Amino acid sequence: MACTDCDNNIWKQKLGRCKRCMWLNFGLLLVSVIFSYFMVQAQPKSVETIAVLFTLFCSALLMLLHTIAFIYYCLTKANKHNPE
């Protein structure tokens, strides 16, 4: 990948640091919100709707973790490229 944060395999070091990952997660969150809105209205108890709702929940949780880590790094002035 292009950034040094994404080259690491430890997910804890990526949270709140990689803008590309945060934008991809935000896009996934928007798409899952749109799909869940239309699928819940059409068939609220189908397998596809439950899968989209699960995707929505997981992407929202990941976005929340990214946001909390980003705010933490901004407030503590943590070194961006040295997570230790």
N, C-alpha and C. Protein backbone atom coordinates (compact mmCIF):
# COMPACT_ATOMS: atom_id res chain seq x y z
N MET A 1 0.83 -1.18 0.00
CA MET A 1 0.00 0.00 0.00
C MET A 1 0.88 1.25 0.00
N ALA A 2 0.28 2.37 -0.18
CA ALA A 2 1.03 3.61 -0.33
C ALA A 2 1.55 4.16 0.99
N CYS A 3 0.83 4.02 2.06
CA CYS A 3 1.27 4.63 3.32
C CYS A 3 2.00 3.60 4.18
N THR A 4 2.83 4.11 5.09
CA THR A 4 3.61 3.21 5.94
C THR A 4 2.75 2.57 7.02
N ASP A 5 1.63 3.20 7.38
CA ASP A 5 0.77 2.61 8.40
C ASP A 5 0.07 1.36 7.91
N CYS A 6 -0.24 1.32 6.63
CA CYS A 6 -0.95 0.15 6.09
C CYS A 6 -0.03 -1.02 5.81
N ASP A 7 1.28 -0.78 5.82
CA ASP A 7 2.21 -1.88 5.59
C ASP A 7 2.31 -2.79 6.81
N ASN A 8 1.96 -2.27 7.96
CA ASN A 8 1.99 -3.08 9.19
C ASN A 8 0.79 -4.00 9.22
N ASN A 9 0.98 -5.17 9.81
CA ASN A 9 -0.12 -6.13 9.91
C ASN A 9 -0.87 -6.01 11.22
N ILE A 10 -0.41 -5.17 12.12
CA ILE A 10 -1.07 -5.01 13.41
C ILE A 10 -2.17 -3.98 13.26
N TRP A 11 -3.42 -4.38 13.42
CA TRP A 11 -4.56 -3.49 13.18
C TRP A 11 -4.60 -2.36 14.17
N LYS A 12 -4.07 -2.55 15.37
CA LYS A 12 -4.09 -1.51 16.39
C LYS A 12 -3.26 -0.30 15.94
N GLN A 13 -2.21 -0.53 15.18
CA GLN A 13 -1.36 0.55 14.72
C GLN A 13 -1.99 1.33 13.57
N LYS A 14 -2.99 0.77 12.93
CA LYS A 14 -3.64 1.43 11.80
C LYS A 14 -4.79 2.33 12.23
N LEU A 15 -5.39 2.05 13.37
CA LEU A 15 -6.58 2.79 13.79
C LEU A 15 -6.28 4.28 13.96
N GLY A 16 -7.02 5.10 13.25
CA GLY A 16 -6.92 6.54 13.38
C GLY A 16 -5.74 7.18 12.70
N ARG A 17 -4.89 6.40 12.03
CA ARG A 17 -3.69 6.94 11.40
C ARG A 17 -3.79 7.00 9.88
N CYS A 18 -4.41 6.01 9.28
CA CYS A 18 -4.43 5.92 7.82
C CYS A 18 -5.70 6.58 7.28
N LYS A 19 -5.52 7.66 6.56
CA LYS A 19 -6.67 8.39 5.99
C LYS A 19 -7.38 7.55 4.92
N ARG A 20 -6.61 6.79 4.15
CA ARG A 20 -7.22 5.96 3.10
C ARG A 20 -8.14 4.91 3.71
N CYS A 21 -7.70 4.28 4.77
CA CYS A 21 -8.54 3.27 5.44
C CYS A 21 -9.79 3.91 6.04
N MET A 22 -9.62 5.11 6.58
CA MET A 22 -10.77 5.79 7.18
C MET A 22 -11.80 6.18 6.11
N TRP A 23 -11.33 6.65 4.96
CA TRP A 23 -12.26 7.01 3.88
C TRP A 23 -12.94 5.77 3.29
N LEU A 24 -12.19 4.67 3.16
CA LEU A 24 -12.81 3.43 2.67
C LEU A 24 -13.87 2.93 3.64
N ASN A 25 -13.58 3.02 4.92
CA ASN A 25 -14.57 2.60 5.92
C ASN A 25 -15.79 3.52 5.90
N PHE A 26 -15.57 4.82 5.71
CA PHE A 26 -16.69 5.76 5.62
C PHE A 26 -17.57 5.45 4.41
N GLY A 27 -16.93 5.11 3.28
CA GLY A 27 -17.69 4.73 2.08
C GLY A 27 -18.50 3.46 2.31
N LEU A 28 -17.88 2.49 2.98
CA LEU A 28 -18.60 1.25 3.30
C LEU A 28 -19.78 1.53 4.22
N LEU A 29 -19.58 2.43 5.16
CA LEU A 29 -20.66 2.79 6.07
C LEU A 29 -21.82 3.45 5.32
N LEU A 30 -21.52 4.37 4.41
CA LEU A 30 -22.57 5.02 3.64
C LEU A 30 -23.34 4.04 2.75
N VAL A 31 -22.61 3.17 2.09
CA VAL A 31 -23.26 2.18 1.22
C VAL A 31 -24.14 1.23 2.03
N SER A 32 -23.65 0.81 3.18
CA SER A 32 -24.45 -0.11 3.99
C SER A 32 -25.67 0.60 4.59
N VAL A 33 -25.56 1.89 4.88
CA VAL A 33 -26.73 2.64 5.36
C VAL A 33 -27.79 2.72 4.27
N ILE A 34 -27.37 3.01 3.05
CA ILE A 34 -28.32 3.12 1.94
C ILE A 34 -28.98 1.78 1.66
N PHE A 35 -28.17 0.71 1.59
CA PHE A 35 -28.73 -0.61 1.34
C PHE A 35 -29.66 -1.05 2.46
N SER A 36 -29.27 -0.81 3.70
CA SER A 36 -30.12 -1.25 4.80
C SER A 36 -31.44 -0.47 4.84
N TYR A 37 -31.41 0.79 4.47
CA TYR A 37 -32.64 1.59 4.45
C TYR A 37 -33.65 0.99 3.47
N PHE A 38 -33.19 0.67 2.27
CA PHE A 38 -34.11 0.15 1.26
C PHE A 38 -34.47 -1.32 1.50
N MET A 39 -33.54 -2.11 2.02
CA MET A 39 -33.82 -3.54 2.22
C MET A 39 -34.71 -3.79 3.43
N VAL A 40 -34.59 -2.98 4.46
CA VAL A 40 -35.44 -3.17 5.64
C VAL A 40 -36.88 -2.82 5.29
N GLN A 41 -37.08 -1.83 4.44
CA GLN A 41 -38.44 -1.48 4.03
C GLN A 41 -39.05 -2.57 3.16
N ALA A 42 -38.24 -3.17 2.30
CA ALA A 42 -38.76 -4.16 1.37
C ALA A 42 -39.04 -5.50 2.07
N GLN A 43 -38.04 -6.06 2.73
CA GLN A 43 -38.19 -7.36 3.39
C GLN A 43 -37.44 -7.32 4.72
N PRO A 44 -38.10 -6.97 5.79
CA PRO A 44 -37.39 -6.76 7.05
C PRO A 44 -36.79 -8.01 7.70
N LYS A 45 -37.22 -9.20 7.32
CA LYS A 45 -36.72 -10.40 7.98
C LYS A 45 -36.01 -11.37 7.04
N SER A 46 -35.56 -10.89 5.90
CA SER A 46 -34.85 -11.78 4.98
C SER A 46 -33.38 -11.90 5.37
N VAL A 47 -32.73 -12.91 4.86
CA VAL A 47 -31.33 -13.16 5.18
C VAL A 47 -30.44 -12.03 4.66
N GLU A 48 -30.75 -11.53 3.49
CA GLU A 48 -29.95 -10.45 2.91
C GLU A 48 -30.02 -9.19 3.77
N THR A 49 -31.20 -8.88 4.28
CA THR A 49 -31.38 -7.70 5.12
C THR A 49 -30.60 -7.84 6.42
N ILE A 50 -30.62 -9.01 7.01
CA ILE A 50 -29.88 -9.24 8.24
C ILE A 50 -28.38 -9.13 7.98
N ALA A 51 -27.91 -9.62 6.84
CA ALA A 51 -26.49 -9.50 6.50
C ALA A 51 -26.09 -8.04 6.29
N VAL A 52 -26.95 -7.26 5.65
CA VAL A 52 -26.65 -5.83 5.46
C VAL A 52 -26.66 -5.10 6.79
N LEU A 53 -27.58 -5.43 7.67
CA LEU A 53 -27.60 -4.81 8.99
C LEU A 53 -26.36 -5.17 9.81
N PHE A 54 -25.89 -6.40 9.66
CA PHE A 54 -24.66 -6.81 10.33
C PHE A 54 -23.47 -6.03 9.77
N THR A 55 -23.42 -5.84 8.46
CA THR A 55 -22.37 -5.03 7.84
C THR A 55 -22.43 -3.59 8.32
N LEU A 56 -23.63 -3.06 8.44
CA LEU A 56 -23.81 -1.70 8.94
C LEU A 56 -23.29 -1.57 10.36
N PHE A 57 -23.63 -2.52 11.22
CA PHE A 57 -23.19 -2.48 12.60
C PHE A 57 -21.67 -2.57 12.70
N CYS A 58 -21.06 -3.48 11.96
CA CYS A 58 -19.61 -3.67 12.03
C CYS A 58 -18.86 -2.47 11.46
N SER A 59 -19.32 -1.92 10.35
CA SER A 59 -18.63 -0.77 9.77
C SER A 59 -18.81 0.47 10.64
N ALA A 60 -19.96 0.60 11.30
CA ALA A 60 -20.16 1.72 12.22
C ALA A 60 -19.26 1.59 13.44
N LEU A 61 -19.10 0.38 13.94
CA LEU A 61 -18.22 0.15 15.07
C LEU A 61 -16.76 0.45 14.70
N LEU A 62 -16.34 0.02 13.53
CA LEU A 62 -14.98 0.28 13.07
C LEU A 62 -14.76 1.78 12.86
N MET A 63 -15.76 2.48 12.32
CA MET A 63 -15.64 3.92 12.14
C MET A 63 -15.55 4.63 13.48
N LEU A 64 -16.30 4.16 14.46
CA LEU A 64 -16.23 4.73 15.80
C LEU A 64 -14.83 4.54 16.40
N LEU A 65 -14.26 3.36 16.23
CA LEU A 65 -12.92 3.11 16.74
C LEU A 65 -11.89 4.00 16.05
N HIS A 66 -12.01 4.15 14.73
CA HIS A 66 -11.11 5.04 13.99
C HIS A 66 -11.22 6.47 14.51
N THR A 67 -12.44 6.93 14.73
CA THR A 67 -12.66 8.31 15.17
C THR A 67 -12.10 8.53 16.57
N ILE A 68 -12.33 7.60 17.47
CA ILE A 68 -11.81 7.73 18.83
C ILE A 68 -10.29 7.74 18.82
N ALA A 69 -9.68 6.85 18.05
CA ALA A 69 -8.22 6.81 17.98
C ALA A 69 -7.66 8.08 17.34
N PHE A 70 -8.31 8.59 16.30
CA PHE A 70 -7.86 9.81 15.64
C PHE A 70 -7.91 10.99 16.61
N ILE A 71 -8.99 11.11 17.37
CA ILE A 71 -9.12 12.20 18.35
C ILE A 71 -8.06 12.04 19.44
N TYR A 72 -7.83 10.83 19.88
CA TYR A 72 -6.81 10.58 20.90
C TYR A 72 -5.44 11.01 20.41
N TYR A 73 -5.09 10.63 19.18
CA TYR A 73 -3.78 10.99 18.64
C TYR A 73 -3.65 12.50 18.45
N CYS A 74 -4.72 13.15 18.09
CA CYS A 74 -4.68 14.61 17.93
C CYS A 74 -4.53 15.32 19.28
N LEU A 75 -5.23 14.85 20.30
CA LEU A 75 -5.18 15.50 21.60
C LEU A 75 -3.87 15.25 22.34
N THR A 76 -3.31 14.07 22.19
CA THR A 76 -2.07 13.75 22.90
C THR A 76 -0.84 14.07 22.09
N LYS A 77 -1.02 14.51 20.86
CA LYS A 77 0.11 14.82 19.97
C LYS A 77 1.04 13.63 19.82
N ALA A 78 0.46 12.46 19.73
CA ALA A 78 1.25 11.24 19.58
C ALA A 78 1.97 11.26 18.23
N ASN A 79 3.14 10.69 18.21
CA ASN A 79 3.91 10.65 16.97
C ASN A 79 3.17 9.79 15.96
N LYS A 80 2.95 10.33 14.80
CA LYS A 80 2.11 9.65 13.81
C LYS A 80 2.74 8.36 13.29
N HIS A 81 4.05 8.35 13.12
CA HIS A 81 4.68 7.19 12.50
C HIS A 81 5.39 6.30 13.51
N ASN A 82 5.26 6.59 14.78
CA ASN A 82 5.85 5.74 15.81
C ASN A 82 4.79 5.43 16.86
N PRO A 83 4.03 4.34 16.70
CA PRO A 83 2.91 4.06 17.59
C PRO A 83 3.28 3.64 19.00
N GLU A 84 4.57 3.43 19.30
CA GLU A 84 4.93 2.98 20.64
C GLU A 84 4.83 4.07 21.61
